[in-house]
């Protein structure tokens, strides 16, 4: 599948006259708990030629392809990506740290990984992860029987909030790494590990009685972070001119190659 994806990335460059700067896996495969039928969520950042940006036209700044049973491909233009980076967009921060990399020319990704924690907006990231946790919890984990695999899609964003609060840094992408955080109770870890082992063995986790201990953990932490995020005070740490210079330099270097 790696070869198929890399070939598709080359086609995208030719079809759209762009250079792809990096391309990675996103979603459950990158998080470390894919299902048997999980598709490949490929995300990438690309750059146009300089003249493309020197226009008064409002141009489309994403490239997307129809999702099929196996492949979900989409990417952001570099200018869009840098604007979102300045706002600590959690999706982009995860792309930059994905453990599954299909291509990386190392012109800009190295720099963004290096400065990501320096300009991190704890408030923006926690709001994002909290919203994700609350939505999935509301939709999938109510009632006596629940879609058991959805626990991962609620626990992961909550653990990400906890990581940001504890370490003041961008959380790991892999679920296993989040579980290494200091202070997690052993009973909680054992309950999660049981589910994780079943998931990694390929068992399709469907409707089962809800895990009361996990629901309580989720509800407690949603309440905690709803209050915590309100009290975060931040000053603007983003040097826009630095990112603008990075933008210009990347355009030049990408097309020189």
Protein backbone atom coordinates (compact mmCIF):
# COMPACT_ATOMS: atom_id res chain seq x y z
CA UNK A 1 0.00 0.00 0.00
CA UNK A 2 2.94 2.31 0.64
CA UNK A 3 3.89 2.08 -3.05
CA UNK A 4 0.31 2.82 -4.13
CA UNK A 5 0.19 5.90 -1.91
CA UNK A 6 3.57 7.20 -3.09
CA UNK A 7 2.54 6.78 -6.71
CA UNK A 8 -0.69 8.64 -6.04
CA UNK A 9 1.26 11.50 -4.47
CA UNK A 10 3.36 11.80 -7.64
CA UNK A 11 0.16 11.92 -9.70
CA UNK A 12 -1.18 14.73 -7.50
CA UNK A 13 1.98 16.77 -8.07
CA UNK A 14 1.65 16.36 -11.83
CA UNK A 15 -2.10 16.97 -11.99
CA UNK A 16 -2.02 20.14 -9.89
CA UNK A 17 1.49 21.42 -10.68
CA UNK A 18 2.49 21.44 -7.01
CA UNK A 19 5.31 20.14 -4.85
CA UNK A 20 4.31 18.00 -1.88
CA UNK A 21 6.38 18.94 1.16
CA UNK A 22 5.33 16.10 3.41
CA UNK A 23 2.67 13.38 3.43
CA UNK A 24 1.67 11.26 6.41
CA UNK A 25 -0.96 8.95 7.79
CA UNK A 26 -3.65 10.45 9.99
CA UNK A 27 -6.45 8.96 12.07
CA UNK A 28 -6.67 5.51 13.64
CA UNK A 29 -3.64 4.02 11.86
CA UNK A 30 -1.41 6.86 13.07
CA UNK A 31 -2.96 6.64 16.54
CA UNK A 32 -2.12 2.94 16.74
CA UNK A 33 -5.53 1.32 16.84
CA UNK A 34 -6.80 0.66 13.28
CA UNK A 35 -9.62 -1.76 12.56
CA UNK A 36 -9.36 -4.55 9.99
CA UNK A 37 -11.29 -2.45 7.52
CA UNK A 38 -9.69 0.92 8.33
CA UNK A 39 -8.92 2.97 5.25
CA UNK A 40 -5.71 4.94 4.77
CA UNK A 41 -6.13 8.58 5.76
CA UNK A 42 -3.31 10.28 3.87
CA UNK A 43 -2.75 13.97 4.65
CA UNK A 44 -0.22 16.25 3.00
CA UNK A 45 0.99 19.83 2.70
CA UNK A 46 1.95 21.16 -0.73
CA UNK A 47 3.26 24.33 -2.35
CA UNK A 48 2.42 25.96 -5.69
CA UNK A 49 4.77 27.90 -7.91
CA UNK A 50 5.40 31.49 -6.82
CA UNK A 51 3.22 33.03 -9.55
CA UNK A 52 0.22 31.07 -8.32
CA UNK A 53 0.23 33.18 -5.17
CA UNK A 54 0.69 36.47 -7.05
CA UNK A 55 -2.91 36.76 -8.16
CA UNK A 56 -6.02 38.65 -7.11
CA UNK A 57 -8.13 35.53 -7.62
CA UNK A 58 -9.46 33.72 -4.57
CA UNK A 59 -8.05 30.27 -5.24
CA UNK A 60 -8.83 26.93 -3.68
CA UNK A 61 -6.27 26.07 -0.99
CA UNK A 62 -7.07 22.38 -0.50
CA UNK A 63 -6.74 19.30 -2.67
CA UNK A 64 -9.25 16.57 -1.97
CA UNK A 65 -10.19 13.31 -3.66
CA UNK A 66 -13.38 11.26 -3.31
CA UNK A 67 -13.02 8.72 -0.53
CA UNK A 68 -13.04 5.09 -1.63
CA UNK A 69 -13.03 1.91 0.45
CA UNK A 70 -9.28 2.02 0.94
CA UNK A 71 -7.90 5.52 0.46
CA UNK A 72 -8.81 8.96 1.81
CA UNK A 73 -6.50 11.62 0.35
CA UNK A 74 -6.50 15.33 1.12
CA UNK A 75 -3.99 18.12 1.61
CA UNK A 76 -3.55 21.80 2.42
CA UNK A 77 -1.69 24.50 0.57
CA UNK A 78 1.38 25.76 2.43
CA UNK A 79 -0.06 29.22 3.06
CA UNK A 80 -3.20 27.73 4.62
CA UNK A 81 -1.11 25.30 6.65
CA UNK A 82 1.13 28.06 8.06
CA UNK A 83 -1.86 30.18 9.03
CA UNK A 84 -3.33 27.20 10.86
CA UNK A 85 0.04 26.39 12.43
CA UNK A 86 0.12 29.91 13.87
CA UNK A 87 -3.17 29.06 15.60
CA UNK A 88 -1.86 25.72 16.93
CA UNK A 89 -4.23 23.72 14.76
CA UNK A 90 -4.16 20.28 16.42
CA UNK A 91 -4.74 18.35 13.19
CA UNK A 92 -1.67 19.90 11.57
CA UNK A 93 0.39 19.43 14.73
CA UNK A 94 -0.53 15.73 14.60
CA UNK A 95 0.40 15.47 10.92
CA UNK A 96 3.83 16.86 11.74
CA UNK A 97 4.33 14.13 14.36
CA UNK A 98 2.69 11.19 12.64
CA UNK A 99 4.64 7.94 13.13
CA UNK A 100 3.73 6.90 9.56
CA UNK A 101 5.45 9.10 6.99
CA UNK A 102 5.01 8.55 3.24
CA UNK A 103 7.15 11.47 2.12
CA UNK A 104 9.03 14.34 3.75
CA UNK A 105 11.43 16.67 1.94
CA UNK A 106 12.54 18.11 5.32
CA UNK A 107 12.54 21.72 4.12
CA UNK A 108 9.82 23.00 6.42
CA UNK A 109 8.57 20.12 8.55
CA UNK A 110 11.75 20.05 10.64
CA UNK A 111 11.41 23.75 11.45
CA UNK A 112 7.72 23.48 12.34
CA UNK A 113 8.33 20.48 14.58
CA UNK A 114 11.08 22.39 16.35
CA UNK A 115 9.04 25.53 17.07
CA UNK A 116 5.65 23.88 17.60
CA UNK A 117 5.96 23.71 21.38
CA UNK A 118 7.32 27.27 21.54
CA UNK A 119 4.14 28.74 20.07
CA UNK A 120 1.71 26.14 21.39
CA UNK A 121 -1.71 27.48 22.33
CA UNK A 122 -2.83 25.23 25.17
CA UNK A 123 -6.26 26.84 25.05
CA UNK A 124 -6.85 26.13 21.34
CA UNK A 125 -5.64 22.54 21.58
CA UNK A 126 -7.57 21.66 24.71
CA UNK A 127 -10.77 23.16 23.28
CA UNK A 128 -10.27 21.03 20.16
CA UNK A 129 -9.65 17.78 22.04
CA UNK A 130 -12.37 18.47 24.57
CA UNK A 131 -14.90 19.09 21.79
CA UNK A 132 -13.86 15.81 20.14
CA UNK A 133 -14.16 13.85 23.39
CA UNK A 134 -17.55 15.30 24.28
CA UNK A 135 -18.99 14.69 20.82
CA UNK A 136 -17.88 11.06 20.61
CA UNK A 137 -18.93 10.39 24.20
CA UNK A 138 -22.38 11.82 23.58
CA UNK A 139 -22.87 9.98 20.29
CA UNK A 140 -21.46 6.54 21.07
CA UNK A 141 -20.99 5.78 24.78
CA UNK A 142 -24.40 6.41 26.34
CA UNK A 143 -26.79 3.64 27.36
CA UNK A 144 -26.20 0.21 28.82
CA UNK A 145 -24.69 -1.17 25.60
CA UNK A 146 -22.21 0.92 23.64
CA UNK A 147 -19.92 0.72 20.61
CA UNK A 148 -16.95 -0.42 22.61
CA UNK A 149 -14.25 0.64 20.11
CA UNK A 150 -15.41 4.22 20.48
CA UNK A 151 -13.77 4.36 23.90
CA UNK A 152 -10.47 4.92 22.09
CA UNK A 153 -11.92 7.93 20.25
CA UNK A 154 -12.94 9.51 23.55
CA UNK A 155 -10.04 8.49 25.74
CA UNK A 156 -7.39 9.62 23.29
CA UNK A 157 -8.48 13.29 23.19
CA UNK A 158 -8.94 13.33 26.98
CA UNK A 159 -5.44 11.92 27.47
CA UNK A 160 -4.17 14.56 25.04
CA UNK A 161 -5.74 17.27 27.24
CA UNK A 162 -4.10 15.74 30.27
CA UNK A 163 -0.71 15.65 28.51
CA UNK A 164 -0.94 19.31 27.53
CA UNK A 165 -1.92 20.29 31.07
CA UNK A 166 0.87 18.25 32.67
CA UNK A 167 3.77 18.83 30.28
CA UNK A 168 2.88 22.07 28.43
CA UNK A 169 3.74 20.47 25.12
CA UNK A 170 2.15 18.92 22.05
CA UNK A 171 0.88 15.42 22.97
CA UNK A 172 2.17 12.27 21.26
CA UNK A 173 0.17 10.92 18.34
CA UNK A 174 0.37 7.26 19.36
CA UNK A 175 -2.19 6.16 21.93
CA UNK A 176 0.41 3.87 23.55
CA UNK A 177 2.66 6.86 24.22
CA UNK A 178 -0.14 8.78 25.92
CA UNK A 179 -0.63 5.86 28.29
CA UNK A 180 2.96 6.32 29.53
CA UNK A 181 1.99 9.65 31.11
CA UNK A 182 2.81 9.96 34.79
CA UNK A 183 -0.07 9.85 37.26
CA UNK A 184 -2.50 7.52 35.47
CA UNK A 185 -4.04 5.02 37.89
CA UNK A 186 -3.12 1.37 37.49
CA UNK A 187 -6.76 0.18 37.45
CA UNK A 188 -7.50 2.56 34.58
CA UNK A 189 -4.43 1.44 32.63
CA UNK A 190 -5.32 -2.23 33.06
CA UNK A 191 -8.90 -1.65 31.83
CA UNK A 192 -7.67 0.21 28.76
CA UNK A 193 -4.93 -2.31 28.07
CA UNK A 194 -7.49 -5.14 27.91
CA UNK A 195 -9.39 -3.30 25.18
CA UNK A 196 -6.20 -2.33 23.38
CA UNK A 197 -4.95 -5.92 23.24
CA UNK A 198 -8.26 -7.06 21.75
CA UNK A 199 -8.15 -4.23 19.21
CA UNK A 200 -4.58 -4.95 18.13
CA UNK A 201 -5.36 -8.65 17.77
CA UNK A 202 -7.90 -7.71 15.13
CA UNK A 203 -11.03 -8.33 17.14
CA UNK A 204 -13.87 -6.16 15.88
CA UNK A 205 -15.15 -4.44 18.99
CA UNK A 206 -18.86 -3.78 18.59
CA UNK A 207 -21.79 -3.47 21.00
CA UNK A 208 -21.01 -4.54 24.56
CA UNK A 209 -22.02 -3.45 28.05
CA UNK A 210 -20.45 -0.10 28.82
CA UNK A 211 -17.35 0.07 30.97
CA UNK A 212 -18.54 1.98 34.02
CA UNK A 213 -15.05 2.78 35.27
CA UNK A 214 -14.08 4.26 31.88
CA UNK A 215 -17.31 6.24 31.65
CA UNK A 216 -16.63 7.69 35.08
CA UNK A 217 -13.07 8.59 34.09
CA UNK A 218 -14.39 10.31 30.97
CA UNK A 219 -17.14 12.25 32.75
CA UNK A 220 -14.80 13.40 35.51
CA UNK A 221 -12.18 14.65 33.10
CA UNK A 222 -14.64 16.36 30.78
CA UNK A 223 -15.87 18.31 33.77
CA UNK A 224 -12.31 19.08 34.90
CA UNK A 225 -11.17 20.36 31.51
CA UNK A 226 -14.32 22.37 30.86
CA UNK A 227 -13.33 24.44 33.88
CA UNK A 228 -9.58 24.31 33.35
CA UNK A 229 -9.64 25.64 29.80
CA UNK A 230 -11.63 28.71 30.82
CA UNK A 231 -8.84 29.85 33.10
CA UNK A 232 -5.95 29.58 30.61
CA UNK A 233 -4.37 32.96 29.95
CA UNK A 234 -2.11 33.25 26.92
CA UNK A 235 -0.14 35.94 25.15
CA UNK A 236 0.51 35.84 21.41
CA UNK A 237 3.78 33.97 20.95
CA UNK A 238 3.64 33.68 17.15
CA UNK A 239 6.15 35.57 14.99
CA UNK A 240 4.11 35.99 11.80
CA UNK A 241 6.97 37.59 9.91
CA UNK A 242 9.16 34.58 10.67
CA UNK A 243 6.47 32.25 9.27
CA UNK A 244 6.06 34.54 6.25
CA UNK A 245 9.79 34.35 5.55
CA UNK A 246 9.62 30.58 5.96
CA UNK A 247 6.77 30.56 3.44
CA UNK A 248 8.78 32.54 0.86
CA UNK A 249 11.93 30.51 1.38
CA UNK A 250 10.09 27.21 1.06
CA UNK A 251 8.53 28.25 -2.25
CA UNK A 252 11.94 29.14 -3.67
CA UNK A 253 13.72 26.04 -2.39
CA UNK A 254 10.96 23.62 -3.40
CA UNK A 255 10.96 24.66 -7.03
CA UNK A 256 14.73 24.99 -7.26
CA UNK A 257 14.86 21.26 -6.55
